[in-house]
Amino acid sequence: MPEKPVSPIPASALALVVIGIGLTMTGRSLDGFVRGLCQGAGMAVILVGVAVLSAHVRGRRDRRGESGGDAGMWLPSRDDDQ
């Protein structure tokens, strides 16, 4: 069964980052509580977008077997096996 092709950048992560930048820049022109709300929400959305992007890249690297010969994450319990 052929593998499903992996997109280089997920559209959802890119959209979250762009929306976050838009919220942060919009907040700069406002004052008071609304400014802080927009800037805080914008930064939070940017961080979520980066987390989604990094999870996608890490998953793609693990599927290709580029993580040092083992497809999973490193676990301290595996040190005793060698």
PDB file of N, CA and C in Angstrom:
ATOM      1  N   MET A   1       0.853  -1.169   0.000  1.00  0.00           N
ATOM      2  CA  MET A   1       0.000   0.000   0.000  1.00  0.00           C
ATOM      3  C   MET A   1       0.904   1.239   0.000  1.00  0.00           C
ATOM      4  N   PRO A   2       0.747   2.155  -0.953  1.00  0.00           N
ATOM      5  CA  PRO A   2       1.595   3.343  -1.016  1.00  0.00           C
ATOM      6  C   PRO A   2       1.300   4.292   0.145  1.00  0.00           C
ATOM      7  N   GLU A   3       2.369   4.974   0.569  1.00  0.00           N
ATOM      8  CA  GLU A   3       2.201   5.922   1.666  1.00  0.00           C
ATOM      9  C   GLU A   3       1.480   7.176   1.185  1.00  0.00           C
ATOM     10  N   LYS A   4       0.745   7.779   2.097  1.00  0.00           N
ATOM     11  CA  LYS A   4       0.046   9.020   1.801  1.00  0.00           C
ATOM     12  C   LYS A   4       1.083  10.142   1.694  1.00  0.00           C
ATOM     13  N   PRO A   5       1.043  10.956   0.635  1.00  0.00           N
ATOM     14  CA  PRO A   5       2.022  12.032   0.514  1.00  0.00           C
ATOM     15  C   PRO A   5       1.845  13.056   1.640  1.00  0.00           C
ATOM     16  N   VAL A   6       2.961  13.567   2.120  1.00  0.00           N
ATOM     17  CA  VAL A   6       2.948  14.509   3.228  1.00  0.00           C
ATOM     18  C   VAL A   6       3.182  15.907   2.685  1.00  0.00           C
ATOM     19  N   SER A   7       2.312  16.835   3.042  1.00  0.00           N
ATOM     20  CA  SER A   7       2.481  18.212   2.598  1.00  0.00           C
ATOM     21  C   SER A   7       3.594  18.871   3.401  1.00  0.00           C
ATOM     22  N   PRO A   8       4.368  19.750   2.780  1.00  0.00           N
ATOM     23  CA  PRO A   8       5.477  20.374   3.488  1.00  0.00           C
ATOM     24  C   PRO A   8       5.031  21.283   4.634  1.00  0.00           C
ATOM     25  N   ILE A   9       3.982  22.056   4.435  1.00  0.00           N
ATOM     26  CA  ILE A   9       3.472  22.943   5.483  1.00  0.00           C
ATOM     27  C   ILE A   9       1.965  22.751   5.569  1.00  0.00           C
ATOM     28  N   PRO A  10       1.462  22.308   6.739  1.00  0.00           N
ATOM     29  CA  PRO A  10       0.013  22.150   6.854  1.00  0.00           C
ATOM     30  C   PRO A  10      -0.693  23.505   6.798  1.00  0.00           C
ATOM     31  N   ALA A  11      -1.757  23.570   6.034  1.00  0.00           N
ATOM     32  CA  ALA A  11      -2.490  24.824   5.858  1.00  0.00           C
ATOM     33  C   ALA A  11      -3.069  25.320   7.182  1.00  0.00           C
ATOM     34  N   SER A  12      -3.455  24.402   8.066  1.00  0.00           N
ATOM     35  CA  SER A  12      -4.033  24.824   9.344  1.00  0.00           C
ATOM     36  C   SER A  12      -3.009  25.565  10.200  1.00  0.00           C
ATOM     37  N   ALA A  13      -1.773  25.090  10.215  1.00  0.00           N
ATOM     38  CA  ALA A  13      -0.737  25.761  11.012  1.00  0.00           C
ATOM     39  C   ALA A  13      -0.418  27.126  10.424  1.00  0.00           C
ATOM     40  N   LEU A  14      -0.332  27.197   9.111  1.00  0.00           N
ATOM     41  CA  LEU A  14      -0.053  28.472   8.461  1.00  0.00           C
ATOM     42  C   LEU A  14      -1.182  29.466   8.708  1.00  0.00           C
ATOM     43  N   ALA A  15      -2.421  28.996   8.647  1.00  0.00           N
ATOM     44  CA  ALA A  15      -3.570  29.874   8.896  1.00  0.00           C
ATOM     45  C   ALA A  15      -3.564  30.388  10.334  1.00  0.00           C
ATOM     46  N   LEU A  16      -3.234  29.516  11.290  1.00  0.00           N
ATOM     47  CA  LEU A  16      -3.187  29.956  12.689  1.00  0.00           C
ATOM     48  C   LEU A  16      -2.121  31.023  12.901  1.00  0.00           C
ATOM     49  N   VAL A  17      -0.970  30.852  12.300  1.00  0.00           N
ATOM     50  CA  VAL A  17       0.099  31.833  12.456  1.00  0.00           C
ATOM     51  C   VAL A  17      -0.311  33.159  11.824  1.00  0.00           C
ATOM     52  N   VAL A  18      -0.905  33.124  10.645  1.00  0.00           N
ATOM     53  CA  VAL A  18      -1.326  34.361   9.972  1.00  0.00           C
ATOM     54  C   VAL A  18      -2.419  35.066  10.765  1.00  0.00           C
ATOM     55  N   ILE A  19      -3.382  34.327  11.280  1.00  0.00           N
ATOM     56  CA  ILE A  19      -4.446  34.923  12.097  1.00  0.00           C
ATOM     57  C   ILE A  19      -3.858  35.531  13.371  1.00  0.00           C
ATOM     58  N   GLY A  20      -2.915  34.830  13.986  1.00  0.00           N
ATOM     59  CA  GLY A  20      -2.271  35.351  15.189  1.00  0.00           C
ATOM     60  C   GLY A  20      -1.514  36.638  14.928  1.00  0.00           C
ATOM     61  N   ILE A  21      -0.805  36.691  13.803  1.00  0.00           N
ATOM     62  CA  ILE A  21      -0.086  37.922  13.450  1.00  0.00           C
ATOM     63  C   ILE A  21      -1.086  39.052  13.207  1.00  0.00           C
ATOM     64  N   GLY A  22      -2.189  38.730  12.555  1.00  0.00           N
ATOM     65  CA  GLY A  22      -3.217  39.744  12.321  1.00  0.00           C
ATOM     66  C   GLY A  22      -3.819  40.282  13.611  1.00  0.00           C
ATOM     67  N   LEU A  23      -4.106  39.393  14.548  1.00  0.00           N
ATOM     68  CA  LEU A  23      -4.640  39.837  15.844  1.00  0.00           C
ATOM     69  C   LEU A  23      -3.631  40.702  16.597  1.00  0.00           C
ATOM     70  N   THR A  24      -2.377  40.286  16.579  1.00  0.00           N
ATOM     71  CA  THR A  24      -1.343  41.037  17.291  1.00  0.00           C
ATOM     72  C   THR A  24      -1.160  42.421  16.676  1.00  0.00           C
ATOM     73  N   MET A  25      -1.143  42.505  15.358  1.00  0.00           N
ATOM     74  CA  MET A  25      -0.970  43.800  14.709  1.00  0.00           C
ATOM     75  C   MET A  25      -2.211  44.682  14.878  1.00  0.00           C
ATOM     76  N   THR A  26      -3.395  44.091  14.888  1.00  0.00           N
ATOM     77  CA  THR A  26      -4.618  44.861  15.111  1.00  0.00           C
ATOM     78  C   THR A  26      -4.628  45.441  16.521  1.00  0.00           C
ATOM     79  N   GLY A  27      -4.154  44.673  17.483  1.00  0.00           N
ATOM     80  CA  GLY A  27      -4.120  45.142  18.860  1.00  0.00           C
ATOM     81  C   GLY A  27      -3.225  46.342  19.072  1.00  0.00           C
ATOM     82  N   ARG A  28      -2.241  46.516  18.206  1.00  0.00           N
ATOM     83  CA  ARG A  28      -1.330  47.661  18.357  1.00  0.00           C
ATOM     84  C   ARG A  28      -2.029  48.994  18.127  1.00  0.00           C
ATOM     85  N   SER A  29      -3.095  49.000  17.346  1.00  0.00           N
ATOM     86  CA  SER A  29      -3.795  50.257  17.059  1.00  0.00           C
ATOM     87  C   SER A  29      -4.901  50.546  18.067  1.00  0.00           C
ATOM     88  N   LEU A  30      -5.158  49.646  19.001  1.00  0.00           N
ATOM     89  CA  LEU A  30      -6.218  49.828  19.991  1.00  0.00           C
ATOM     90  C   LEU A  30      -5.636  50.249  21.331  1.00  0.00           C
ATOM     91  N   ASP A  31      -6.505  50.589  22.269  1.00  0.00           N
ATOM     92  CA  ASP A  31      -6.067  50.999  23.604  1.00  0.00           C
ATOM     93  C   ASP A  31      -6.740  50.160  24.675  1.00  0.00           C
ATOM     94  N   GLY A  32      -6.085  50.100  25.834  1.00  0.00           N
ATOM     95  CA  GLY A  32      -6.679  49.512  27.019  1.00  0.00           C
ATOM     96  C   GLY A  32      -6.810  48.003  26.985  1.00  0.00           C
ATOM     97  N   PHE A  33      -7.922  47.547  27.545  1.00  0.00           N
ATOM     98  CA  PHE A  33      -8.168  46.116  27.704  1.00  0.00           C
ATOM     99  C   PHE A  33      -8.246  45.396  26.365  1.00  0.00           C
ATOM    100  N   VAL A  34      -8.856  46.026  25.375  1.00  0.00           N
ATOM    101  CA  VAL A  34      -9.021  45.401  24.064  1.00  0.00           C
ATOM    102  C   VAL A  34      -7.658  45.174  23.411  1.00  0.00           C
ATOM    103  N   ARG A  35      -6.728  46.129  23.611  1.00  0.00           N
ATOM    104  CA  ARG A  35      -5.377  45.969  23.069  1.00  0.00           C
ATOM    105  C   ARG A  35      -4.694  44.749  23.676  1.00  0.00           C
ATOM    106  N   GLY A  36      -4.753  44.632  24.976  1.00  0.00           N
ATOM    107  CA  GLY A  36      -4.143  43.490  25.647  1.00  0.00           C
ATOM    108  C   GLY A  36      -4.803  42.175  25.271  1.00  0.00           C
ATOM    109  N   LEU A  37      -6.123  42.215  25.105  1.00  0.00           N
ATOM    110  CA  LEU A  37      -6.858  41.016  24.708  1.00  0.00           C
ATOM    111  C   LEU A  37      -6.438  40.550  23.315  1.00  0.00           C
ATOM    112  N   CYS A  38      -6.368  41.486  22.370  1.00  0.00           N
ATOM    113  CA  CYS A  38      -5.966  41.127  21.004  1.00  0.00           C
ATOM    114  C   CYS A  38      -4.517  40.654  20.949  1.00  0.00           C
ATOM    115  N   GLN A  39      -3.632  41.328  21.643  1.00  0.00           N
ATOM    116  CA  GLN A  39      -2.234  40.925  21.616  1.00  0.00           C
ATOM    117  C   GLN A  39      -2.029  39.573  22.297  1.00  0.00           C
ATOM    118  N   GLY A  40      -2.681  39.366  23.422  1.00  0.00           N
ATOM    119  CA  GLY A  40      -2.554  38.082  24.111  1.00  0.00           C
ATOM    120  C   GLY A  40      -3.142  36.935  23.311  1.00  0.00           C
ATOM    121  N   ALA A  41      -4.308  37.159  22.725  1.00  0.00           N
ATOM    122  CA  ALA A  41      -4.926  36.116  21.902  1.00  0.00           C
ATOM    123  C   ALA A  41      -4.088  35.853  20.658  1.00  0.00           C
ATOM    124  N   GLY A  42      -3.543  36.908  20.078  1.00  0.00           N
ATOM    125  CA  GLY A  42      -2.700  36.742  18.899  1.00  0.00           C
ATOM    126  C   GLY A  42      -1.462  35.915  19.200  1.00  0.00           C
ATOM    127  N   MET A  43      -0.806  36.198  20.303  1.00  0.00           N
ATOM    128  CA  MET A  43       0.386  35.427  20.676  1.00  0.00           C
ATOM    129  C   MET A  43       0.023  33.973  20.975  1.00  0.00           C
ATOM    130  N   ALA A  44      -1.102  33.761  21.625  1.00  0.00           N
ATOM    131  CA  ALA A  44      -1.527  32.387  21.918  1.00  0.00           C
ATOM    132  C   ALA A  44      -1.815  31.612  20.635  1.00  0.00           C
ATOM    133  N   VAL A  45      -2.464  32.252  19.668  1.00  0.00           N
ATOM    134  CA  VAL A  45      -2.778  31.587  18.405  1.00  0.00           C
ATOM    135  C   VAL A  45      -1.497  31.299  17.623  1.00  0.00           C
ATOM    136  N   ILE A  46      -0.537  32.219  17.661  1.00  0.00           N
ATOM    137  CA  ILE A  46       0.749  31.978  17.002  1.00  0.00           C
ATOM    138  C   ILE A  46       1.443  30.776  17.626  1.00  0.00           C
ATOM    139  N   LEU A  47       1.458  30.693  18.940  1.00  0.00           N
ATOM    140  CA  LEU A  47       2.114  29.569  19.615  1.00  0.00           C
ATOM    141  C   LEU A  47       1.427  28.237  19.300  1.00  0.00           C
ATOM    142  N   VAL A  48       0.108  28.243  19.206  1.00  0.00           N
ATOM    143  CA  VAL A  48      -0.605  27.011  18.837  1.00  0.00           C
ATOM    144  C   VAL A  48      -0.245  26.613  17.410  1.00  0.00           C
ATOM    145  N   GLY A  49      -0.172  27.576  16.513  1.00  0.00           N
ATOM    146  CA  GLY A  49       0.210  27.285  15.132  1.00  0.00           C
ATOM    147  C   GLY A  49       1.610  26.713  15.032  1.00  0.00           C
ATOM    148  N   VAL A  50       2.539  27.256  15.799  1.00  0.00           N
ATOM    149  CA  VAL A  50       3.910  26.737  15.802  1.00  0.00           C
ATOM    150  C   VAL A  50       3.942  25.329  16.397  1.00  0.00           C
ATOM    151  N   ALA A  51       3.149  25.075  17.418  1.00  0.00           N
ATOM    152  CA  ALA A  51       3.100  23.733  18.008  1.00  0.00           C
ATOM    153  C   ALA A  51       2.556  22.717  17.000  1.00  0.00           C
ATOM    154  N   VAL A  52       1.522  23.093  16.261  1.00  0.00           N
ATOM    155  CA  VAL A  52       0.968  22.198  15.237  1.00  0.00           C
ATOM    156  C   VAL A  52       2.007  21.943  14.145  1.00  0.00           C
ATOM    157  N   LEU A  53       2.696  22.988  13.726  1.00  0.00           N
ATOM    158  CA  LEU A  53       3.715  22.848  12.700  1.00  0.00           C
ATOM    159  C   LEU A  53       4.860  21.956  13.166  1.00  0.00           C
ATOM    160  N   SER A  54       5.339  22.149  14.393  1.00  0.00           N
ATOM    161  CA  SER A  54       6.444  21.322  14.884  1.00  0.00           C
ATOM    162  C   SER A  54       6.025  19.869  15.074  1.00  0.00           C
ATOM    163  N   ALA A  55       4.782  19.638  15.491  1.00  0.00           N
ATOM    164  CA  ALA A  55       4.309  18.259  15.610  1.00  0.00           C
ATOM    165  C   ALA A  55       4.230  17.590  14.243  1.00  0.00           C
ATOM    166  N   HIS A  56       3.832  18.352  13.236  1.00  0.00           N
ATOM    167  CA  HIS A  56       3.766  17.809  11.879  1.00  0.00           C
ATOM    168  C   HIS A  56       5.162  17.459  11.367  1.00  0.00           C
ATOM    169  N   VAL A  57       6.115  18.355  11.582  1.00  0.00           N
ATOM    170  CA  VAL A  57       7.483  18.110  11.115  1.00  0.00           C
ATOM    171  C   VAL A  57       8.104  16.946  11.874  1.00  0.00           C
ATOM    172  N   ARG A  58       7.887  16.879  13.181  1.00  0.00           N
ATOM    173  CA  ARG A  58       8.429  15.783  13.977  1.00  0.00           C
ATOM    174  C   ARG A  58       7.812  14.453  13.564  1.00  0.00           C
ATOM    175  N   GLY A  59       6.527  14.433  13.286  1.00  0.00           N
ATOM    176  CA  GLY A  59       5.863  13.211  12.841  1.00  0.00           C
ATOM    177  C   GLY A  59       6.365  12.759  11.484  1.00  0.00           C
ATOM    178  N   ARG A  60       6.613  13.696  10.600  1.00  0.00           N
ATOM    179  CA  ARG A  60       7.131  13.356   9.272  1.00  0.00           C
ATOM    180  C   ARG A  60       8.540  12.777   9.392  1.00  0.00           C
ATOM    181  N   ARG A  61       9.368  13.345  10.263  1.00  0.00           N
ATOM    182  CA  ARG A  61      10.728  12.845  10.450  1.00  0.00           C
ATOM    183  C   ARG A  61      10.698  11.435  11.034  1.00  0.00           C
ATOM    184  N   ASP A  62       9.789  11.184  11.991  1.00  0.00           N
ATOM    185  CA  ASP A  62       9.687   9.856  12.599  1.00  0.00           C
ATOM    186  C   ASP A  62       9.187   8.823  11.595  1.00  0.00           C
ATOM    187  N   ARG A  63       8.282   9.209  10.705  1.00  0.00           N
ATOM    188  CA  ARG A  63       7.775   8.263   9.706  1.00  0.00           C
ATOM    189  C   ARG A  63       8.850   7.875   8.705  1.00  0.00           C
ATOM    190  N   ARG A  64       9.765   8.796   8.419  1.00  0.00           N
ATOM    191  CA  ARG A  64      10.829   8.493   7.467  1.00  0.00           C
ATOM    192  C   ARG A  64      11.987   7.745   8.113  1.00  0.00           C
ATOM    193  N   GLY A  65      12.015   7.658   9.438  1.00  0.00           N
ATOM    194  CA  GLY A  65      13.084   6.936  10.116  1.00  0.00           C
ATOM    195  C   GLY A  65      14.361   7.735  10.256  1.00  0.00           C
ATOM    196  N   GLU A  66      14.265   9.056  10.288  1.00  0.00           N
ATOM    197  CA  GLU A  66      15.447   9.897  10.395  1.00  0.00           C
ATOM    198  C   GLU A  66      15.805  10.232  11.841  1.00  0.00           C
ATOM    199  N   SER A  67      15.195   9.610  12.794  1.00  0.00           N
ATOM    200  CA  SER A  67      15.427   9.976  14.192  1.00  0.00           C
ATOM    201  C   SER A  67      16.478   9.076  14.836  1.00  0.00           C
ATOM    202  N   GLY A  68      17.502   8.696  14.109  1.00  0.00           N
ATOM    203  CA  GLY A  68      18.583   7.923  14.696  1.00  0.00           C
ATOM    204  C   GLY A  68      18.369   6.426  14.626  1.00  0.00           C
ATOM    205  N   GLY A  69      17.656   5.935  13.664  1.00  0.00           N
ATOM    206  CA  GLY A  69      17.477   4.503  13.514  1.00  0.00           C
ATOM    207  C   GLY A  69      16.246   3.957  14.196  1.00  0.00           C
ATOM    208  N   ASP A  70      15.671   4.692  15.129  1.00  0.00           N
ATOM    209  CA  ASP A  70      14.466   4.245  15.812  1.00  0.00           C
ATOM    210  C   ASP A  70      13.351   5.216  15.472  1.00  0.00           C
ATOM    211  N   ALA A  71      12.194   4.695  15.108  1.00  0.00           N
ATOM    212  CA  ALA A  71      11.101   5.548  14.661  1.00  0.00           C
ATOM    213  C   ALA A  71      10.391   6.254  15.816  1.00  0.00           C
ATOM    214  N   GLY A  72      10.643   5.866  17.066  1.00  0.00           N
ATOM    215  CA  GLY A  72       9.962   6.476  18.196  1.00  0.00           C
ATOM    216  C   GLY A  72      10.825   7.499  18.905  1.00  0.00           C
ATOM    217  N   MET A  73      10.261   8.070  19.932  1.00  0.00           N
ATOM    218  CA  MET A  73      10.999   9.042  20.738  1.00  0.00           C
ATOM    219  C   MET A  73      11.926   8.307  21.704  1.00  0.00           C
ATOM    220  N   TRP A  74      12.951   8.998  22.190  1.00  0.00           N
ATOM    221  CA  TRP A  74      13.892   8.424  23.134  1.00  0.00           C
ATOM    222  C   TRP A  74      13.222   8.259  24.487  1.00  0.00           C
ATOM    223  N   LEU A  75      13.444   7.133  25.121  1.00  0.00           N
ATOM    224  CA  LEU A  75      12.916   6.868  26.447  1.00  0.00           C
ATOM    225  C   LEU A  75      14.074   6.463  27.362  1.00  0.00           C
ATOM    226  N   PRO A  76      14.107   6.936  28.617  1.00  0.00           N
ATOM    227  CA  PRO A  76      15.178   6.571  29.520  1.00  0.00           C
ATOM    228  C   PRO A  76      15.226   5.060  29.787  1.00  0.00           C
ATOM    229  N   SER A  77      14.091   4.390  29.711  1.00  0.00           N
ATOM    230  CA  SER A  77      14.063   2.950  29.977  1.00  0.00           C
ATOM    231  C   SER A  77      14.773   2.160  28.888  1.00  0.00           C
ATOM    232  N   ARG A  78      15.002   2.744  27.728  1.00  0.00           N
ATOM    233  CA  ARG A  78      15.690   2.049  26.642  1.00  0.00           C
ATOM    234  C   ARG A  78      17.204   2.071  26.809  1.00  0.00           C
ATOM    235  N   ASP A  79      17.726   2.851  27.726  1.00  0.00           N
ATOM    236  CA  ASP A  79      19.166   2.888  27.952  1.00  0.00           C
ATOM    237  C   ASP A  79      19.696   1.559  28.468  1.00  0.00           C
ATOM    238  N   ASP A  80      18.922   0.851  29.260  1.00  0.00           N
ATOM    239  CA  ASP A  80      19.364  -0.405  29.838  1.00  0.00           C
ATOM    240  C   ASP A  80      19.369  -1.556  28.826  1.00  0.00           C
ATOM    241  N   ASP A  81      18.670  -1.390  27.722  1.00  0.00           N
ATOM    242  CA  ASP A  81      18.561  -2.459  26.725  1.00  0.00           C
ATOM    243  C   ASP A  81      19.847  -2.666  25.944  1.00  0.00           C
ATOM    244  N   GLN A  82      20.728  -1.700  25.934  1.00  0.00           N
ATOM    245  CA  GLN A  82      21.925  -1.788  25.087  1.00  0.00           C
ATOM    246  C   GLN A  82      23.093  -2.285  25.842  1.00  0.00           C
TER     247      GLN A  82
END
